[in-house]
Amino acid sequence: MRAFGPVAFWFWLATFASATTSDLSSAFQDILSNTEGNARYNYPTDLTRGIVPKGIHSHNDYWRSLPFYTALSVGCISIEADVWLYNSTLYIGHEISALTPARTFDSLYINPLLDVLNKQNPASPFVRVPTTHGVFDGYSAQTLYLFVDVKTAGDETWPFVLKALEPLRSAGYLSRVENASSTTITYGPVTVIGTGNTPLSQVQPIIPRDYFYDAPIPTLNSTFSNITSLVSPIASTDFAVQFGTIHSTNVAFNESQLALLRAQVAVAHGKGIQLRYWDQPAWPISLRNGVWKLLWDEGVDLINADDVAAAAGLW
């Protein structure tokens, strides 16, 4: 039987049972109708059962009716939260006018992340050594990239971001660079990447470190040529600035656009750095989908999406 998340599983059972009533014996119908709540059909880490991780970045994730959980439910492996520092508290929102006392970095991201990860790493008489599995039940080694977009002054705000990460840090859930001789990142369930006003000076020279930096794609071979994947596992840039406005729904890049894209992918991948382009066209839908497919086919690692359900269902 196909694996489903808890909500999807019971919905499937109800649909299956009602759609095939005439084809099933009364005994089999009785089995289907009495599975809910039965310990044989549930297990401790089944919160994200059946969710397949996908190379999708949940852009401005806090705009969703249910931040974090909506992206998680469709398999996004990357989530973006904009933070504003006021009176020692990090608030979440795209603009100052969108901030509210209830919507904080802790309430919308740190606490939900910690809750999900604790569910995926339960204490159990079967577990001899504590685990640090990721958020996806069937893909426990997959990290979740948490982009923290600093909106207020970086030098002042970033230390508060690091302080807010302490519950994840103390639980051993953060990806990290262990020491100065490290050649790879030790990946954990969550990989924190500072973007926006995040100061590079508070990231690059720090060792050991359990946070990273969102480097600019266009200058990885010039101004930022000293950036490695240990500093920036993912780099980003503005799609429209790089490739201009695309109006044709057939999304045919001209030779210079395609050459630029391929050159940027080659440079980043040569450094072991993944890529993400933001500010892609959102409409017409056929144009948006075409850009997503083109970027994916050319090796871009994260598809920047506002409509994460559409991106998850496109392929």
C-alpha atoms as a PDB file:
ATOM      1  CA  MET A   1       0.000   0.000   0.000  1.00  0.00           C
ATOM      2  CA  ARG A   2       1.214   3.496  -0.772  1.00  0.00           C
ATOM      3  CA  ALA A   3       2.452   5.504   2.226  1.00  0.00           C
ATOM      4  CA  PHE A   4       0.465   8.606   3.187  1.00  0.00           C
ATOM      5  CA  GLY A   5       0.703  11.294   5.849  1.00  0.00           C
ATOM      6  CA  PRO A   6      -1.867  10.858   8.637  1.00  0.00           C
ATOM      7  CA  VAL A   7      -4.439  13.318   7.274  1.00  0.00           C
ATOM      8  CA  ALA A   8      -4.034  12.187   3.678  1.00  0.00           C
ATOM      9  CA  PHE A   9      -4.186   8.538   4.735  1.00  0.00           C
ATOM     10  CA  TRP A  10      -7.586   8.764   6.400  1.00  0.00           C
ATOM     11  CA  PHE A  11      -8.944  10.886   3.554  1.00  0.00           C
ATOM     12  CA  TRP A  12      -7.803   8.187   1.122  1.00  0.00           C
ATOM     13  CA  LEU A  13      -9.417   5.461   3.173  1.00  0.00           C
ATOM     14  CA  ALA A  14     -12.730   7.295   3.278  1.00  0.00           C
ATOM     15  CA  THR A  15     -12.633   7.997  -0.441  1.00  0.00           C
ATOM     16  CA  PHE A  16     -11.563   4.470  -1.308  1.00  0.00           C
ATOM     17  CA  ALA A  17     -14.189   2.890   0.875  1.00  0.00           C
ATOM     18  CA  SER A  18     -17.041   5.050  -0.432  1.00  0.00           C
ATOM     19  CA  ALA A  19     -15.976   4.687  -4.063  1.00  0.00           C
ATOM     20  CA  THR A  20     -15.711   0.900  -3.966  1.00  0.00           C
ATOM     21  CA  THR A  21     -18.420  -0.129  -1.521  1.00  0.00           C
ATOM     22  CA  SER A  22     -20.132  -2.398  -4.012  1.00  0.00           C
ATOM     23  CA  ASP A  23     -16.836  -4.149  -4.802  1.00  0.00           C
ATOM     24  CA  LEU A  24     -15.843  -4.982  -1.223  1.00  0.00           C
ATOM     25  CA  SER A  25     -17.119  -7.581   1.145  1.00  0.00           C
ATOM     26  CA  SER A  26     -18.715  -6.377   4.358  1.00  0.00           C
ATOM     27  CA  ALA A  27     -15.795  -7.890   6.272  1.00  0.00           C
ATOM     28  CA  PHE A  28     -13.258  -5.852   4.282  1.00  0.00           C
ATOM     29  CA  GLN A  29     -15.348  -2.700   4.683  1.00  0.00           C
ATOM     30  CA  ASP A  30     -15.321  -3.277   8.410  1.00  0.00           C
ATOM     31  CA  ILE A  31     -11.493  -3.435   8.402  1.00  0.00           C
ATOM     32  CA  LEU A  32     -11.261  -0.141   6.500  1.00  0.00           C
ATOM     33  CA  SER A  33     -13.702   1.638   8.775  1.00  0.00           C
ATOM     34  CA  ASN A  34     -11.941   0.579  11.969  1.00  0.00           C
ATOM     35  CA  THR A  35      -8.328   1.485  11.220  1.00  0.00           C
ATOM     36  CA  GLU A  36      -8.387   5.002  12.656  1.00  0.00           C
ATOM     37  CA  GLY A  37      -6.805   5.130  16.067  1.00  0.00           C
ATOM     38  CA  ASN A  38      -5.550   1.573  15.800  1.00  0.00           C
ATOM     39  CA  ALA A  39      -1.960   1.343  17.022  1.00  0.00           C
ATOM     40  CA  ARG A  40      -1.091  -1.103  14.253  1.00  0.00           C
ATOM     41  CA  TYR A  41      -1.616   1.586  11.609  1.00  0.00           C
ATOM     42  CA  ASN A  42       0.288   4.426  13.277  1.00  0.00           C
ATOM     43  CA  TYR A  43       3.836   4.936  14.491  1.00  0.00           C
ATOM     44  CA  PRO A  44       5.686   7.697  16.391  1.00  0.00           C
ATOM     45  CA  THR A  45       7.334   9.436  13.416  1.00  0.00           C
ATOM     46  CA  ASP A  46       4.427   9.307  10.957  1.00  0.00           C
ATOM     47  CA  LEU A  47       3.655  13.054  11.041  1.00  0.00           C
ATOM     48  CA  THR A  48       5.304  13.537   7.625  1.00  0.00           C
ATOM     49  CA  ARG A  49       4.711  10.018   6.319  1.00  0.00           C
ATOM     50  CA  GLY A  50       4.485   9.913   2.529  1.00  0.00           C
ATOM     51  CA  ILE A  51       5.838  13.437   1.936  1.00  0.00           C
ATOM     52  CA  VAL A  52       8.559  13.430  -0.744  1.00  0.00           C
ATOM     53  CA  PRO A  53      11.217  16.182  -0.423  1.00  0.00           C
ATOM     54  CA  LYS A  54      11.443  18.437  -3.476  1.00  0.00           C
ATOM     55  CA  GLY A  55      13.921  21.094  -4.603  1.00  0.00           C
ATOM     56  CA  ILE A  56      11.488  23.935  -3.882  1.00  0.00           C
ATOM     57  CA  HIS A  57      12.151  27.118  -1.909  1.00  0.00           C
ATOM     58  CA  SER A  58       9.087  28.496  -0.126  1.00  0.00           C
ATOM     59  CA  HIS A  59       9.569  32.167  -0.958  1.00  0.00           C
ATOM     60  CA  ASN A  60       8.181  34.606   1.634  1.00  0.00           C
ATOM     61  CA  ASP A  61       6.835  31.594   3.480  1.00  0.00           C
ATOM     62  CA  TYR A  62       5.160  33.720   6.169  1.00  0.00           C
ATOM     63  CA  TRP A  63       2.585  34.924   3.601  1.00  0.00           C
ATOM     64  CA  ARG A  64       0.919  31.532   3.677  1.00  0.00           C
ATOM     65  CA  SER A  65      -2.189  30.956   5.770  1.00  0.00           C
ATOM     66  CA  LEU A  66      -0.170  28.363   7.657  1.00  0.00           C
ATOM     67  CA  PRO A  67       3.526  29.286   7.558  1.00  0.00           C
ATOM     68  CA  PHE A  68       6.098  26.468   7.687  1.00  0.00           C
ATOM     69  CA  TYR A  69       3.542  23.643   7.765  1.00  0.00           C
ATOM     70  CA  THR A  70       2.129  24.339   4.291  1.00  0.00           C
ATOM     71  CA  ALA A  71       5.597  24.215   2.742  1.00  0.00           C
ATOM     72  CA  LEU A  72       6.432  21.098   4.728  1.00  0.00           C
ATOM     73  CA  SER A  73       3.230  19.377   3.610  1.00  0.00           C
ATOM     74  CA  VAL A  74       4.181  19.599  -0.089  1.00  0.00           C
ATOM     75  CA  GLY A  75       7.826  18.651   0.448  1.00  0.00           C
ATOM     76  CA  CYS A  76       9.686  21.990   0.215  1.00  0.00           C
ATOM     77  CA  ILE A  77      13.277  21.552   1.364  1.00  0.00           C
ATOM     78  CA  SER A  78      13.831  25.295   1.780  1.00  0.00           C
ATOM     79  CA  ILE A  79      11.861  27.976   3.639  1.00  0.00           C
ATOM     80  CA  GLU A  80      12.335  31.737   3.918  1.00  0.00           C
ATOM     81  CA  ALA A  81      11.516  33.910   6.930  1.00  0.00           C
ATOM     82  CA  ASP A  82      11.961  37.699   7.014  1.00  0.00           C
ATOM     83  CA  VAL A  83      12.955  38.975  10.457  1.00  0.00           C
ATOM     84  CA  TRP A  84      12.748  42.461  11.965  1.00  0.00           C
ATOM     85  CA  LEU A  85      14.374  43.303  15.299  1.00  0.00           C
ATOM     86  CA  TYR A  86      12.364  45.493  17.684  1.00  0.00           C
ATOM     87  CA  ASN A  87      12.967  45.700  21.431  1.00  0.00           C
ATOM     88  CA  SER A  88      15.097  42.522  21.395  1.00  0.00           C
ATOM     89  CA  THR A  89      12.382  40.462  19.663  1.00  0.00           C
ATOM     90  CA  LEU A  90      12.483  39.125  16.103  1.00  0.00           C
ATOM     91  CA  TYR A  91       9.182  39.710  14.310  1.00  0.00           C
ATOM     92  CA  ILE A  92       8.124  38.106  11.021  1.00  0.00           C
ATOM     93  CA  GLY A  93       6.735  39.971   8.015  1.00  0.00           C
ATOM     94  CA  HIS A  94       7.522  41.423   4.596  1.00  0.00           C
ATOM     95  CA  GLU A  95       6.915  45.045   5.546  1.00  0.00           C
ATOM     96  CA  ILE A  96       6.881  46.938   8.834  1.00  0.00           C
ATOM     97  CA  SER A  97       3.116  47.449   8.540  1.00  0.00           C
ATOM     98  CA  ALA A  98       2.622  43.649   8.444  1.00  0.00           C
ATOM     99  CA  LEU A  99       4.240  42.999  11.834  1.00  0.00           C
ATOM    100  CA  THR A 100       2.156  41.864  14.814  1.00  0.00           C
ATOM    101  CA  PRO A 101       3.072  40.892  18.392  1.00  0.00           C
ATOM    102  CA  ALA A 102       1.989  37.290  17.804  1.00  0.00           C
ATOM    103  CA  ARG A 103       4.028  36.675  14.639  1.00  0.00           C
ATOM    104  CA  THR A 104       7.587  36.170  15.824  1.00  0.00           C
ATOM    105  CA  PHE A 105      10.529  34.100  14.630  1.00  0.00           C
ATOM    106  CA  ASP A 106      10.035  31.850  17.643  1.00  0.00           C
ATOM    107  CA  SER A 107       6.285  31.345  17.227  1.00  0.00           C
ATOM    108  CA  LEU A 108       6.190  30.803  13.455  1.00  0.00           C
ATOM    109  CA  TYR A 109       9.468  28.947  12.857  1.00  0.00           C
ATOM    110  CA  ILE A 110      11.674  27.950  15.804  1.00  0.00           C
ATOM    111  CA  ASN A 111       8.947  26.383  17.940  1.00  0.00           C
ATOM    112  CA  PRO A 112       7.151  24.584  15.072  1.00  0.00           C
ATOM    113  CA  LEU A 113      10.482  23.277  13.762  1.00  0.00           C
ATOM    114  CA  LEU A 114      11.444  22.043  17.193  1.00  0.00           C
ATOM    115  CA  ASP A 115       8.058  20.377  17.638  1.00  0.00           C
ATOM    116  CA  VAL A 116       8.264  18.531  14.309  1.00  0.00           C
ATOM    117  CA  LEU A 117      11.863  17.458  14.877  1.00  0.00           C
ATOM    118  CA  ASN A 118      11.095  16.194  18.364  1.00  0.00           C
ATOM    119  CA  LYS A 119       8.287  14.116  16.866  1.00  0.00           C
ATOM    120  CA  GLN A 120      10.719  12.693  14.307  1.00  0.00           C
ATOM    121  CA  ASN A 121      13.237  11.908  17.060  1.00  0.00           C
ATOM    122  CA  PRO A 122      11.129  10.524  19.901  1.00  0.00           C
ATOM    123  CA  ALA A 123      12.418   8.937  23.068  1.00  0.00           C
ATOM    124  CA  SER A 124      11.673   5.224  22.828  1.00  0.00           C
ATOM    125  CA  PRO A 125      12.706   1.961  24.485  1.00  0.00           C
ATOM    126  CA  PHE A 126      13.779   0.889  20.993  1.00  0.00           C
ATOM    127  CA  VAL A 127      16.206   3.804  20.576  1.00  0.00           C
ATOM    128  CA  ARG A 128      19.558   3.144  22.246  1.00  0.00           C
ATOM    129  CA  VAL A 129      21.330   6.254  20.879  1.00  0.00           C
ATOM    130  CA  PRO A 130      19.501   9.604  20.429  1.00  0.00           C
ATOM    131  CA  THR A 131      18.740  10.391  16.777  1.00  0.00           C
ATOM    132  CA  THR A 132      18.840  13.616  14.782  1.00  0.00           C
ATOM    133  CA  HIS A 133      16.548  12.753  11.891  1.00  0.00           C
ATOM    134  CA  GLY A 134      15.209  15.476   9.623  1.00  0.00           C
ATOM    135  CA  VAL A 135      11.628  16.636   9.177  1.00  0.00           C
ATOM    136  CA  PHE A 136      10.732  14.142   6.419  1.00  0.00           C
ATOM    137  CA  ASP A 137       9.807  10.734   7.777  1.00  0.00           C
ATOM    138  CA  GLY A 138      10.857   8.668   4.762  1.00  0.00           C
ATOM    139  CA  TYR A 139      13.907  10.817   3.993  1.00  0.00           C
ATOM    140  CA  SER A 140      15.425  11.409   7.407  1.00  0.00           C
ATOM    141  CA  ALA A 141      18.845  12.512   6.063  1.00  0.00           C
ATOM    142  CA  GLN A 142      17.359  15.431   4.092  1.00  0.00           C
ATOM    143  CA  THR A 143      18.189  18.796   5.648  1.00  0.00           C
ATOM    144  CA  LEU A 144      15.704  21.665   5.661  1.00  0.00           C
ATOM    145  CA  TYR A 145      17.235  24.976   4.566  1.00  0.00           C
ATOM    146  CA  LEU A 146      15.979  27.856   6.689  1.00  0.00           C
ATOM    147  CA  PHE A 147      16.750  31.191   5.001  1.00  0.00           C
ATOM    148  CA  VAL A 148      16.652  34.006   7.536  1.00  0.00           C
ATOM    149  CA  ASP A 149      16.197  37.270   5.618  1.00  0.00           C
ATOM    150  CA  VAL A 150      17.414  40.041   7.930  1.00  0.00           C
ATOM    151  CA  LYS A 151      15.429  43.228   7.296  1.00  0.00           C
ATOM    152  CA  THR A 152      16.769  45.473  10.061  1.00  0.00           C
ATOM    153  CA  ALA A 153      20.424  46.436  10.588  1.00  0.00           C
ATOM    154  CA  GLY A 154      22.464  43.276  10.146  1.00  0.00           C
ATOM    155  CA  ASP A 155      25.202  43.937  12.713  1.00  0.00           C
ATOM    156  CA  GLU A 156      22.593  44.425  15.410  1.00  0.00           C
ATOM    157  CA  THR A 157      20.036  41.830  14.295  1.00  0.00           C
ATOM    158  CA  TRP A 158      22.208  38.808  13.476  1.00  0.00           C
ATOM    159  CA  PRO A 159      23.290  38.132  17.098  1.00  0.00           C
ATOM    160  CA  PHE A 160      19.598  37.913  18.043  1.00  0.00           C
ATOM    161  CA  VAL A 161      19.041  35.405  15.230  1.00  0.00           C
ATOM    162  CA  LEU A 162      21.858  33.255  16.611  1.00  0.00           C
ATOM    163  CA  LYS A 163      20.365  33.484  20.091  1.00  0.00           C
ATOM    164  CA  ALA A 164      16.944  32.443  18.765  1.00  0.00           C
ATOM    165  CA  LEU A 165      18.500  29.327  17.235  1.00  0.00           C
ATOM    166  CA  GLU A 166      19.673  28.030  20.626  1.00  0.00           C
ATOM    167  CA  PRO A 167      16.831  25.481  21.123  1.00  0.00           C
ATOM    168  CA  LEU A 168      17.704  23.870  17.774  1.00  0.00           C
ATOM    169  CA  ARG A 169      21.408  24.123  18.537  1.00  0.00           C
ATOM    170  CA  SER A 170      21.195  22.508  21.968  1.00  0.00           C
ATOM    171  CA  ALA A 171      19.166  19.641  20.501  1.00  0.00           C
ATOM    172  CA  GLY A 172      21.887  18.990  17.911  1.00  0.00           C
ATOM    173  CA  TYR A 173      19.604  19.847  14.993  1.00  0.00           C
ATOM    174  CA  LEU A 174      21.753  22.426  13.182  1.00  0.00           C
ATOM    175  CA  SER A 175      24.162  21.799  10.288  1.00  0.00           C
ATOM    176  CA  ARG A 176      27.654  22.989  11.144  1.00  0.00           C
ATOM    177  CA  VAL A 177      31.287  23.455  10.206  1.00  0.00           C
ATOM    178  CA  GLU A 178      33.181  21.640  12.936  1.00  0.00           C
ATOM    179  CA  ASN A 179      36.651  23.213  12.801  1.00  0.00           C
ATOM    180  CA  ALA A 180      39.181  25.044  10.636  1.00  0.00           C
ATOM    181  CA  SER A 181      40.314  21.833   8.949  1.00  0.00           C
ATOM    182  CA  SER A 182      36.782  20.831   7.899  1.00  0.00           C
ATOM    183  CA  THR A 183      36.346  20.237   4.184  1.00  0.00           C
ATOM    184  CA  THR A 184      32.620  19.464   4.296  1.00  0.00           C
ATOM    185  CA  ILE A 185      29.554  20.597   6.178  1.00  0.00           C
ATOM    186  CA  THR A 186      28.263  18.240   8.839  1.00  0.00           C
ATOM    187  CA  TYR A 187      24.619  18.323   7.861  1.00  0.00           C
ATOM    188  CA  GLY A 188      21.880  18.228  10.451  1.00  0.00           C
ATOM    189  CA  PRO A 189      18.097  18.433  10.164  1.00  0.00           C
ATOM    190  CA  VAL A 190      18.185  22.246   9.704  1.00  0.00           C
ATOM    191  CA  THR A 191      20.664  24.347   7.715  1.00  0.00           C
ATOM    192  CA  VAL A 192      20.393  28.052   8.568  1.00  0.00           C
ATOM    193  CA  ILE A 193      21.348  30.514   5.826  1.00  0.00           C
ATOM    194  CA  GLY A 194      21.475  34.243   6.500  1.00  0.00           C
ATOM    195  CA  THR A 195      20.370  36.505   3.673  1.00  0.00           C
ATOM    196  CA  GLY A 196      19.204  40.098   3.227  1.00  0.00           C
ATOM    197  CA  ASN A 197      21.221  42.284   5.618  1.00  0.00           C
ATOM    198  CA  THR A 198      23.099  39.365   7.164  1.00  0.00           C
ATOM    199  CA  PRO A 199      26.703  40.584   7.634  1.00  0.00           C
ATOM    200  CA  LEU A 200      29.250  38.325   5.942  1.00  0.00           C
ATOM    201  CA  SER A 201      31.783  39.463   8.538  1.00  0.00           C
ATOM    202  CA  GLN A 202      29.726  37.709  11.221  1.00  0.00           C
ATOM    203  CA  VAL A 203      29.600  34.452   9.262  1.00  0.00           C
ATOM    204  CA  GLN A 204      32.677  33.728   7.125  1.00  0.00           C
ATOM    205  CA  PRO A 205      35.463  34.046   9.730  1.00  0.00           C
ATOM    206  CA  ILE A 206      33.603  32.221  12.511  1.00  0.00           C
ATOM    207  CA  ILE A 207      34.751  28.628  13.207  1.00  0.00           C
ATOM    208  CA  PRO A 208      33.161  26.452  14.486  1.00  0.00           C
ATOM    209  CA  ARG A 209      29.847  27.679  13.091  1.00  0.00           C
ATOM    210  CA  ASP A 210      26.282  26.393  12.689  1.00  0.00           C
ATOM    211  CA  TYR A 211      24.979  29.024  10.247  1.00  0.00           C
ATOM    212  CA  PHE A 212      25.803  30.049   6.691  1.00  0.00           C
ATOM    213  CA  TYR A 213      25.572  32.899   4.173  1.00  0.00           C
ATOM    214  CA  ASP A 214      23.552  33.454   1.007  1.00  0.00           C
ATOM    215  CA  ALA A 215      26.224  34.581  -1.464  1.00  0.00           C
ATOM    216  CA  PRO A 216      25.407  36.443  -4.719  1.00  0.00           C
ATOM    217  CA  ILE A 217      25.519  34.136  -7.756  1.00  0.00           C
ATOM    218  CA  PRO A 218      26.850  36.699 -10.308  1.00  0.00           C
ATOM    219  CA  THR A 219      30.042  37.478  -8.401  1.00  0.00           C
ATOM    220  CA  LEU A 220      31.090  34.013  -7.233  1.00  0.00           C
ATOM    221  CA  ASN A 221      33.963  34.198  -9.706  1.00  0.00           C
ATOM    222  CA  SER A 222      34.948  37.811  -8.970  1.00  0.00           C
ATOM    223  CA  THR A 223      34.159  39.902  -5.893  1.00  0.00           C
ATOM    224  CA  PHE A 224      33.029  36.848  -3.920  1.00  0.00           C
ATOM    225  CA  SER A 225      35.497  34.370  -5.409  1.00  0.00           C
ATOM    226  CA  ASN A 226      36.787  33.519  -1.931  1.00  0.00           C
ATOM    227  CA  ILE A 227      33.382  32.186  -0.917  1.00  0.00           C
ATOM    228  CA  THR A 228      33.297  28.411  -0.567  1.00  0.00           C
ATOM    229  CA  SER A 229      30.462  25.981   0.011  1.00  0.00           C
ATOM    230  CA  LEU A 230      31.474  25.902   3.696  1.00  0.00           C
ATOM    231  CA  VAL A 231      30.370  29.535   3.883  1.00  0.00           C
ATOM    232  CA  SER A 232      27.582  29.498   1.305  1.00  0.00           C
ATOM    233  CA  PRO A 233      26.043  26.111   0.487  1.00  0.00           C
ATOM    234  CA  ILE A 234      23.411  27.974  -1.562  1.00  0.00           C
ATOM    235  CA  ALA A 235      23.806  31.228  -3.491  1.00  0.00           C
ATOM    236  CA  SER A 236      21.001  33.402  -4.857  1.00  0.00           C
ATOM    237  CA  THR A 237      20.299  36.311  -7.156  1.00  0.00           C
ATOM    238  CA  ASP A 238      17.522  38.290  -8.832  1.00  0.00           C
ATOM    239  CA  PHE A 239      16.304  36.493 -11.972  1.00  0.00           C
ATOM    240  CA  ALA A 240      14.948  39.655 -13.624  1.00  0.00           C
ATOM    241  CA  VAL A 241      18.201  41.572 -13.126  1.00  0.00           C
ATOM    242  CA  GLN A 242      20.208  38.762 -14.696  1.00  0.00           C
ATOM    243  CA  PHE A 243      17.951  37.806 -17.599  1.00  0.00           C
ATOM    244  CA  GLY A 244      15.609  40.743 -18.098  1.00  0.00           C
ATOM    245  CA  THR A 245      11.859  40.650 -18.548  1.00  0.00           C
ATOM    246  CA  ILE A 246      10.488  37.612 -20.369  1.00  0.00           C
ATOM    247  CA  HIS A 247       7.151  38.080 -22.083  1.00  0.00           C
ATOM    248  CA  SER A 248       7.006  35.102 -24.420  1.00  0.00           C
ATOM    249  CA  THR A 249       5.089  32.181 -22.920  1.00  0.00           C
ATOM    250  CA  ASN A 250       7.346  29.722 -24.724  1.00  0.00           C
ATOM    251  CA  VAL A 251      10.171  30.854 -22.399  1.00  0.00           C
ATOM    252  CA  ALA A 252      12.814  30.650 -25.095  1.00  0.00           C
ATOM    253  CA  PHE A 253      16.026  32.139 -23.748  1.00  0.00           C
ATOM    254  CA  ASN A 254      18.168  33.793 -26.369  1.00  0.00           C
ATOM    255  CA  GLU A 255      21.771  32.679 -26.801  1.00  0.00           C
ATOM    256  CA  SER A 256      23.249  35.254 -24.432  1.00  0.00           C
ATOM    257  CA  GLN A 257      20.685  34.540 -21.693  1.00  0.00           C
ATOM    258  CA  LEU A 258      21.243  30.798 -21.924  1.00  0.00           C
ATOM    259  CA  ALA A 259      25.016  31.229 -21.980  1.00  0.00           C
ATOM    260  CA  LEU A 260      24.853  33.408 -18.857  1.00  0.00           C
ATOM    261  CA  LEU A 261      22.662  30.913 -17.012  1.00  0.00           C
ATOM    262  CA  ARG A 262      24.911  28.004 -17.895  1.00  0.00           C
ATOM    263  CA  ALA A 263      28.037  29.941 -16.924  1.00  0.00           C
ATOM    264  CA  GLN A 264      26.570  30.833 -13.521  1.00  0.00           C
ATOM    265  CA  VAL A 265      25.478  27.245 -12.897  1.00  0.00           C
ATOM    266  CA  ALA A 266      28.943  25.986 -13.862  1.00  0.00           C
ATOM    267  CA  VAL A 267      30.772  28.421 -11.559  1.00  0.00           C
ATOM    268  CA  ALA A 268      28.521  27.705  -8.576  1.00  0.00           C
ATOM    269  CA  HIS A 269      28.523  23.946  -9.024  1.00  0.00           C
ATOM    270  CA  GLY A 270      32.271  24.029  -9.522  1.00  0.00           C
ATOM    271  CA  LYS A 271      32.477  25.389  -5.990  1.00  0.00           C
ATOM    272  CA  GLY A 272      29.960  22.872  -4.667  1.00  0.00           C
ATOM    273  CA  ILE A 273      27.387  25.646  -4.233  1.00  0.00           C
ATOM    274  CA  GLN A 274      23.711  25.261  -5.099  1.00  0.00           C
ATOM    275  CA  LEU A 275      21.701  27.983  -6.880  1.00  0.00           C
ATOM    276  CA  ARG A 276      18.395  29.791  -6.434  1.00  0.00           C
ATOM    277  CA  TYR A 277      16.920  32.609  -8.552  1.00  0.00           C
ATOM    278  CA  TRP A 278      14.237  34.873  -7.096  1.00  0.00           C
ATOM    279  CA  ASP A 279      12.013  37.510  -8.717  1.00  0.00           C
ATOM    280  CA  GLN A 280      10.876  35.196 -11.487  1.00  0.00           C
ATOM    281  CA  PRO A 281       7.710  35.989 -13.471  1.00  0.00           C
ATOM    282  CA  ALA A 282       4.567  34.951 -11.585  1.00  0.00           C
ATOM    283  CA  TRP A 283       2.094  35.412 -14.429  1.00  0.00           C
ATOM    284  CA  PRO A 284       0.976  34.217 -16.929  1.00  0.00           C
ATOM    285  CA  ILE A 285       0.980  30.809 -15.249  1.00  0.00           C
ATOM    286  CA  SER A 286       2.323  29.127 -18.393  1.00  0.00           C
ATOM    287  CA  LEU A 287       5.264  31.545 -18.364  1.00  0.00           C
ATOM    288  CA  ARG A 288       5.923  30.944 -14.667  1.00  0.00           C
ATOM    289  CA  ASN A 289       5.822  27.187 -15.146  1.00  0.00           C
ATOM    290  CA  GLY A 290       8.046  27.413 -18.207  1.00  0.00           C
ATOM    291  CA  VAL A 291      10.683  29.376 -16.312  1.00  0.00           C
ATOM    292  CA  TRP A 292      10.593  26.843 -13.471  1.00  0.00           C
ATOM    293  CA  LYS A 293      11.105  23.971 -15.904  1.00  0.00           C
ATOM    294  CA  LEU A 294      13.878  25.728 -17.800  1.00  0.00           C
ATOM    295  CA  LEU A 295      15.809  26.523 -14.621  1.00  0.00           C
ATOM    296  CA  TRP A 296      15.403  22.994 -13.328  1.00  0.00           C
ATOM    297  CA  ASP A 297      16.484  21.442 -16.624  1.00  0.00           C
ATOM    298  CA  GLU A 298      19.587  23.665 -16.657  1.00  0.00           C
ATOM    299  CA  GLY A 299      20.667  22.495 -13.227  1.00  0.00           C
ATOM    300  CA  VAL A 300      19.306  25.152 -10.852  1.00  0.00           C
ATOM    301  CA  ASP A 301      18.936  23.403  -7.499  1.00  0.00           C
ATOM    302  CA  LEU A 302      16.074  25.265  -5.815  1.00  0.00           C
ATOM    303  CA  ILE A 303      12.942  26.487  -7.570  1.00  0.00           C
ATOM    304  CA  ASN A 304      11.847  29.745  -5.948  1.00  0.00           C
ATOM    305  CA  ALA A 305       8.074  29.490  -5.546  1.00  0.00           C
ATOM    306  CA  ASP A 306       5.268  31.564  -4.107  1.00  0.00           C
ATOM    307  CA  ASP A 307       2.705  28.905  -5.052  1.00  0.00           C
ATOM    308  CA  VAL A 308       4.433  25.905  -3.527  1.00  0.00           C
ATOM    309  CA  ALA A 309       1.581  23.493  -4.249  1.00  0.00           C
ATOM    310  CA  ALA A 310       1.775  24.348  -7.959  1.00  0.00           C
ATOM    311  CA  ALA A 311       5.534  23.878  -7.991  1.00  0.00           C
ATOM    312  CA  ALA A 312       5.244  20.551  -6.189  1.00  0.00           C
ATOM    313  CA  GLY A 313       2.701  19.273  -8.685  1.00  0.00           C
ATOM    314  CA  LEU A 314       4.386  20.522 -11.851  1.00  0.00           C
ATOM    315  CA  TRP A 315       6.648  17.538 -12.434  1.00  0.00           C
END
